[in-house]
Amino acid sequence: GGLVQAGGSLGLSCAASGNIFSSNTLDW
């Protein structure tokens, strides 16, 4: 996350750890 001007781009990432099962959905 951060500050960006209108029209610009940004990339977000999420790292999941622990007991992650195969039947899942990841969302923002």
PDB file of all heavy atoms in Angstrom:
ATOM      1  N   GLY A   1       0.812  -1.197   0.000  1.00  0.00           N
ATOM      2  CA  GLY A   1       0.000   0.000   0.000  1.00  0.00           C
ATOM      3  C   GLY A   1       0.849   1.252   0.000  1.00  0.00           C
ATOM      4  O   GLY A   1       2.042   1.228   0.298  1.00  0.00           O
ATOM      5  N   GLY A   2       0.211   2.369  -0.342  1.00  0.00           N
ATOM      6  CA  GLY A   2       0.920   3.630  -0.370  1.00  0.00           C
ATOM      7  C   GLY A   2       0.107   4.718  -1.014  1.00  0.00           C
ATOM      8  O   GLY A   2      -1.103   4.590  -1.203  1.00  0.00           O
ATOM      9  N   LEU A   3       0.781   5.804  -1.355  1.00  0.00           N
ATOM     10  CA  LEU A   3       0.166   6.972  -1.970  1.00  0.00           C
ATOM     11  C   LEU A   3       0.518   7.016  -3.449  1.00  0.00           C
ATOM     12  O   LEU A   3       1.684   6.871  -3.820  1.00  0.00           O
ATOM     13  CB  LEU A   3       0.646   8.247  -1.279  1.00  0.00           C
ATOM     14  CG  LEU A   3       0.203   9.577  -1.873  1.00  0.00           C
ATOM     15  CD1 LEU A   3      -1.310   9.732  -1.773  1.00  0.00           C
ATOM     16  CD2 LEU A   3       0.913  10.723  -1.174  1.00  0.00           C
ATOM     17  N   VAL A   4      -0.487   7.234  -4.285  1.00  0.00           N
ATOM     18  CA  VAL A   4      -0.279   7.295  -5.724  1.00  0.00           C
ATOM     19  C   VAL A   4      -1.241   8.319  -6.318  1.00  0.00           C
ATOM     20  O   VAL A   4      -2.337   8.534  -5.795  1.00  0.00           O
ATOM     21  CB  VAL A   4      -0.477   5.905  -6.375  1.00  0.00           C
ATOM     22  CG1 VAL A   4      -1.916   5.424  -6.203  1.00  0.00           C
ATOM     23  CG2 VAL A   4      -0.069   5.916  -7.834  1.00  0.00           C
ATOM     24  N   GLN A   5      -0.828   8.969  -7.395  1.00  0.00           N
ATOM     25  CA  GLN A   5      -1.698   9.922  -8.071  1.00  0.00           C
ATOM     26  C   GLN A   5      -2.736   9.207  -8.927  1.00  0.00           C
ATOM     27  O   GLN A   5      -2.530   8.079  -9.374  1.00  0.00           O
ATOM     28  CB  GLN A   5      -0.881  10.865  -8.947  1.00  0.00           C
ATOM     29  CG  GLN A   5      -0.059  11.882  -8.183  1.00  0.00           C
ATOM     30  CD  GLN A   5       0.535  12.937  -9.095  1.00  0.00           C
ATOM     31  OE1 GLN A   5       0.627  12.760 -10.301  1.00  0.00           O
ATOM     32  NE2 GLN A   5       0.943  14.046  -8.508  1.00  0.00           N
ATOM     33  N   ALA A   6      -3.857   9.877  -9.126  1.00  0.00           N
ATOM     34  CA  ALA A   6      -4.890   9.334  -9.997  1.00  0.00           C
ATOM     35  C   ALA A   6      -4.307   8.995 -11.362  1.00  0.00           C
ATOM     36  O   ALA A   6      -3.516   9.759 -11.924  1.00  0.00           O
ATOM     37  CB  ALA A   6      -6.039  10.318 -10.139  1.00  0.00           C
ATOM     38  N   GLY A   7      -4.708   7.854 -11.883  1.00  0.00           N
ATOM     39  CA  GLY A   7      -4.186   7.370 -13.143  1.00  0.00           C
ATOM     40  C   GLY A   7      -2.979   6.477 -13.004  1.00  0.00           C
ATOM     41  O   GLY A   7      -2.587   5.813 -13.977  1.00  0.00           O
ATOM     42  N   GLY A   8      -2.399   6.437 -11.823  1.00  0.00           N
ATOM     43  CA  GLY A   8      -1.228   5.625 -11.587  1.00  0.00           C
ATOM     44  C   GLY A   8      -1.568   4.189 -11.249  1.00  0.00           C
ATOM     45  O   GLY A   8      -2.729   3.775 -11.279  1.00  0.00           O
ATOM     46  N   SER A   9      -0.540   3.441 -10.903  1.00  0.00           N
ATOM     47  CA  SER A   9      -0.680   2.026 -10.613  1.00  0.00           C
ATOM     48  C   SER A   9      -0.029   1.685  -9.285  1.00  0.00           C
ATOM     49  O   SER A   9       0.869   2.386  -8.808  1.00  0.00           O
ATOM     50  CB  SER A   9      -0.048   1.174 -11.722  1.00  0.00           C
ATOM     51  OG  SER A   9      -0.669   1.391 -12.968  1.00  0.00           O
ATOM     52  N   LEU A  10      -0.476   0.588  -8.714  1.00  0.00           N
ATOM     53  CA  LEU A  10       0.044   0.102  -7.450  1.00  0.00           C
ATOM     54  C   LEU A  10      -0.140  -1.410  -7.399  1.00  0.00           C
ATOM     55  O   LEU A  10      -1.125  -1.934  -7.933  1.00  0.00           O
ATOM     56  CB  LEU A  10      -0.685   0.767  -6.287  1.00  0.00           C
ATOM     57  CG  LEU A  10      -0.023   0.777  -4.907  1.00  0.00           C
ATOM     58  CD1 LEU A  10       1.270   1.584  -4.933  1.00  0.00           C
ATOM     59  CD2 LEU A  10      -0.985   1.361  -3.882  1.00  0.00           C
ATOM     60  N   GLY A  11       0.782  -2.096  -6.770  1.00  0.00           N
ATOM     61  CA  GLY A  11       0.680  -3.533  -6.613  1.00  0.00           C
ATOM     62  C   GLY A  11       0.620  -3.933  -5.155  1.00  0.00           C
ATOM     63  O   GLY A  11       1.440  -3.490  -4.354  1.00  0.00           O
ATOM     64  N   LEU A  12      -0.353  -4.767  -4.812  1.00  0.00           N
ATOM     65  CA  LEU A  12      -0.508  -5.273  -3.462  1.00  0.00           C
ATOM     66  C   LEU A  12      -0.203  -6.768  -3.440  1.00  0.00           C
ATOM     67  O   LEU A  12      -0.479  -7.480  -4.409  1.00  0.00           O
ATOM     68  CB  LEU A  12      -1.924  -5.048  -2.935  1.00  0.00           C
ATOM     69  CG  LEU A  12      -2.483  -3.627  -2.987  1.00  0.00           C
ATOM     70  CD1 LEU A  12      -3.897  -3.609  -2.424  1.00  0.00           C
ATOM     71  CD2 LEU A  12      -1.581  -2.662  -2.244  1.00  0.00           C
ATOM     72  N   SER A  13       0.344  -7.234  -2.342  1.00  0.00           N
ATOM     73  CA  SER A  13       0.635  -8.648  -2.174  1.00  0.00           C
ATOM     74  C   SER A  13       0.137  -9.123  -0.828  1.00  0.00           C
ATOM     75  O   SER A  13       0.055  -8.349   0.129  1.00  0.00           O
ATOM     76  CB  SER A  13       2.140  -8.913  -2.292  1.00  0.00           C
ATOM     77  OG  SER A  13       2.622  -8.613  -3.576  1.00  0.00           O
ATOM     78  N   CYS A  14      -0.182 -10.403  -0.745  1.00  0.00           N
ATOM     79  CA  CYS A  14      -0.624 -11.019   0.490  1.00  0.00           C
ATOM     80  C   CYS A  14      -0.010 -12.400   0.588  1.00  0.00           C
ATOM     81  O   CYS A  14      -0.146 -13.209  -0.334  1.00  0.00           O
ATOM     82  CB  CYS A  14      -2.152 -11.113   0.536  1.00  0.00           C
ATOM     83  SG  CYS A  14      -2.814 -12.052   1.931  1.00  0.00           S
ATOM     84  N   ALA A  15       0.646 -12.658   1.696  1.00  0.00           N
ATOM     85  CA  ALA A  15       1.245 -13.956   1.958  1.00  0.00           C
ATOM     86  C   ALA A  15       0.431 -14.684   3.018  1.00  0.00           C
ATOM     87  O   ALA A  15       0.220 -14.153   4.107  1.00  0.00           O
ATOM     88  CB  ALA A  15       2.689 -13.788   2.415  1.00  0.00           C
ATOM     89  N   ALA A  16      -0.020 -15.874   2.686  1.00  0.00           N
ATOM     90  CA  ALA A  16      -0.782 -16.706   3.608  1.00  0.00           C
ATOM     91  C   ALA A  16       0.103 -17.814   4.156  1.00  0.00           C
ATOM     92  O   ALA A  16       0.869 -18.433   3.418  1.00  0.00           O
ATOM     93  CB  ALA A  16      -2.001 -17.313   2.917  1.00  0.00           C
ATOM     94  N   SER A  17      -0.014 -18.057   5.437  1.00  0.00           N
ATOM     95  CA  SER A  17       0.762 -19.114   6.066  1.00  0.00           C
ATOM     96  C   SER A  17      -0.094 -19.831   7.097  1.00  0.00           C
ATOM     97  O   SER A  17      -1.135 -19.331   7.517  1.00  0.00           O
ATOM     98  CB  SER A  17       2.037 -18.557   6.701  1.00  0.00           C
ATOM     99  OG  SER A  17       1.732 -17.628   7.727  1.00  0.00           O
ATOM    100  N   GLY A  18       0.353 -20.989   7.512  1.00  0.00           N
ATOM    101  CA  GLY A  18      -0.393 -21.801   8.456  1.00  0.00           C
ATOM    102  C   GLY A  18      -1.105 -22.949   7.763  1.00  0.00           C
ATOM    103  O   GLY A  18      -0.615 -23.499   6.779  1.00  0.00           O
ATOM    104  N   ASN A  19      -2.264 -23.296   8.265  1.00  0.00           N
ATOM    105  CA  ASN A  19      -3.026 -24.425   7.735  1.00  0.00           C
ATOM    106  C   ASN A  19      -3.899 -23.977   6.572  1.00  0.00           C
ATOM    107  O   ASN A  19      -5.066 -23.623   6.753  1.00  0.00           O
ATOM    108  CB  ASN A  19      -3.874 -25.054   8.838  1.00  0.00           C
ATOM    109  CG  ASN A  19      -3.039 -25.665   9.943  1.00  0.00           C
ATOM    110  OD1 ASN A  19      -1.963 -26.198   9.695  1.00  0.00           O
ATOM    111  ND2 ASN A  19      -3.522 -25.589  11.169  1.00  0.00           N
ATOM    112  N   ILE A  20      -3.310 -24.002   5.384  1.00  0.00           N
ATOM    113  CA  ILE A  20      -4.021 -23.635   4.167  1.00  0.00           C
ATOM    114  C   ILE A  20      -4.480 -24.911   3.474  1.00  0.00           C
ATOM    115  O   ILE A  20      -3.654 -25.737   3.080  1.00  0.00           O
ATOM    116  CB  ILE A  20      -3.138 -22.807   3.225  1.00  0.00           C
ATOM    117  CG1 ILE A  20      -2.476 -21.654   3.984  1.00  0.00           C
ATOM    118  CG2 ILE A  20      -3.968 -22.306   2.052  1.00  0.00           C
ATOM    119  CD1 ILE A  20      -3.451 -20.707   4.634  1.00  0.00           C
ATOM    120  N   PHE A  21      -5.783 -25.067   3.303  1.00  0.00           N
ATOM    121  CA  PHE A  21      -6.341 -26.252   2.679  1.00  0.00           C
ATOM    122  C   PHE A  21      -6.589 -26.017   1.195  1.00  0.00           C
ATOM    123  O   PHE A  21      -6.640 -24.878   0.731  1.00  0.00           O
ATOM    124  CB  PHE A  21      -7.637 -26.665   3.388  1.00  0.00           C
ATOM    125  CG  PHE A  21      -7.457 -26.929   4.853  1.00  0.00           C
ATOM    126  CD1 PHE A  21      -8.048 -26.115   5.801  1.00  0.00           C
ATOM    127  CD2 PHE A  21      -6.678 -27.992   5.285  1.00  0.00           C
ATOM    128  CE1 PHE A  21      -7.884 -26.349   7.151  1.00  0.00           C
ATOM    129  CE2 PHE A  21      -6.499 -28.243   6.637  1.00  0.00           C
ATOM    130  CZ  PHE A  21      -7.107 -27.414   7.573  1.00  0.00           C
ATOM    131  N   SER A  22      -6.743 -27.109   0.463  1.00  0.00           N
ATOM    132  CA  SER A  22      -6.827 -27.022  -0.990  1.00  0.00           C
ATOM    133  C   SER A  22      -8.109 -26.359  -1.469  1.00  0.00           C
ATOM    134  O   SER A  22      -8.110 -25.712  -2.521  1.00  0.00           O
ATOM    135  CB  SER A  22      -6.691 -28.404  -1.615  1.00  0.00           C
ATOM    136  OG  SER A  22      -7.719 -29.270  -1.163  1.00  0.00           O
ATOM    137  N   SER A  23      -9.193 -26.524  -0.735  1.00  0.00           N
ATOM    138  CA  SER A  23     -10.463 -25.925  -1.117  1.00  0.00           C
ATOM    139  C   SER A  23     -10.551 -24.529  -0.513  1.00  0.00           C
ATOM    140  O   SER A  23     -10.972 -24.365   0.635  1.00  0.00           O
ATOM    141  CB  SER A  23     -11.628 -26.794  -0.653  1.00  0.00           C
ATOM    142  OG  SER A  23     -12.875 -26.223  -1.019  1.00  0.00           O
ATOM    143  N   ASN A  24     -10.151 -23.544  -1.296  1.00  0.00           N
ATOM    144  CA  ASN A  24     -10.143 -22.201  -0.746  1.00  0.00           C
ATOM    145  C   ASN A  24     -10.291 -21.156  -1.835  1.00  0.00           C
ATOM    146  O   ASN A  24     -10.045 -21.419  -3.019  1.00  0.00           O
ATOM    147  CB  ASN A  24      -8.875 -21.926   0.071  1.00  0.00           C
ATOM    148  CG  ASN A  24      -7.633 -21.767  -0.784  1.00  0.00           C
ATOM    149  OD1 ASN A  24      -7.469 -20.736  -1.465  1.00  0.00           O
ATOM    150  ND2 ASN A  24      -6.758 -22.753  -0.753  1.00  0.00           N
ATOM    151  N   THR A  25     -10.681 -19.994  -1.400  1.00  0.00           N
ATOM    152  CA  THR A  25     -10.744 -18.819  -2.248  1.00  0.00           C
ATOM    153  C   THR A  25      -9.985 -17.697  -1.559  1.00  0.00           C
ATOM    154  O   THR A  25     -10.130 -17.496  -0.348  1.00  0.00           O
ATOM    155  CB  THR A  25     -12.192 -18.382  -2.506  1.00  0.00           C
ATOM    156  OG1 THR A  25     -12.900 -19.439  -3.150  1.00  0.00           O
ATOM    157  CG2 THR A  25     -12.238 -17.141  -3.382  1.00  0.00           C
ATOM    158  N   LEU A  26      -9.177 -16.991  -2.307  1.00  0.00           N
ATOM    159  CA  LEU A  26      -8.472 -15.819  -1.807  1.00  0.00           C
ATOM    160  C   LEU A  26      -9.094 -14.580  -2.424  1.00  0.00           C
ATOM    161  O   LEU A  26      -9.375 -14.549  -3.622  1.00  0.00           O
ATOM    162  CB  LEU A  26      -6.984 -15.890  -2.135  1.00  0.00           C
ATOM    163  CG  LEU A  26      -6.166 -16.846  -1.268  1.00  0.00           C
ATOM    164  CD1 LEU A  26      -4.810 -17.116  -1.898  1.00  0.00           C
ATOM    165  CD2 LEU A  26      -5.993 -16.281   0.143  1.00  0.00           C
ATOM    166  N   ASP A  27      -9.291 -13.573  -1.594  1.00  0.00           N
ATOM    167  CA  ASP A  27     -10.025 -12.392  -2.008  1.00  0.00           C
ATOM    168  C   ASP A  27      -9.320 -11.122  -1.556  1.00  0.00           C
ATOM    169  O   ASP A  27      -8.524 -11.127  -0.615  1.00  0.00           O
ATOM    170  CB  ASP A  27     -11.439 -12.385  -1.405  1.00  0.00           C
ATOM    171  CG  ASP A  27     -12.116 -13.733  -1.475  1.00  0.00           C
ATOM    172  OD1 ASP A  27     -12.373 -14.203  -2.602  1.00  0.00           O
ATOM    173  OD2 ASP A  27     -12.394 -14.316  -0.396  1.00  0.00           O
ATOM    174  N   TRP A  28      -9.654 -10.038  -2.230  1.00  0.00           N
ATOM    175  CA  TRP A  28      -9.293  -8.709  -1.775  1.00  0.00           C
ATOM    176  C   TRP A  28     -10.564  -7.927  -1.498  1.00  0.00           C
ATOM    177  O   TRP A  28     -11.459  -7.863  -2.348  1.00  0.00           O
ATOM    178  CB  TRP A  28      -8.441  -7.961  -2.808  1.00  0.00           C
ATOM    179  CG  TRP A  28      -7.033  -8.442  -2.881  1.00  0.00           C
ATOM    180  CD1 TRP A  28      -6.509  -9.321  -3.768  1.00  0.00           C
ATOM    181  CD2 TRP A  28      -5.961  -8.044  -2.023  1.00  0.00           C
ATOM    182  NE1 TRP A  28      -5.173  -9.507  -3.529  1.00  0.00           N
ATOM    183  CE2 TRP A  28      -4.808  -8.738  -2.457  1.00  0.00           C
ATOM    184  CE3 TRP A  28      -5.854  -7.179  -0.931  1.00  0.00           C
ATOM    185  CZ2 TRP A  28      -3.565  -8.587  -1.835  1.00  0.00           C
ATOM    186  CZ3 TRP A  28      -4.615  -7.033  -0.310  1.00  0.00           C
ATOM    187  CH2 TRP A  28      -3.499  -7.732  -0.771  1.00  0.00           C
TER     188      TRP A  28
END
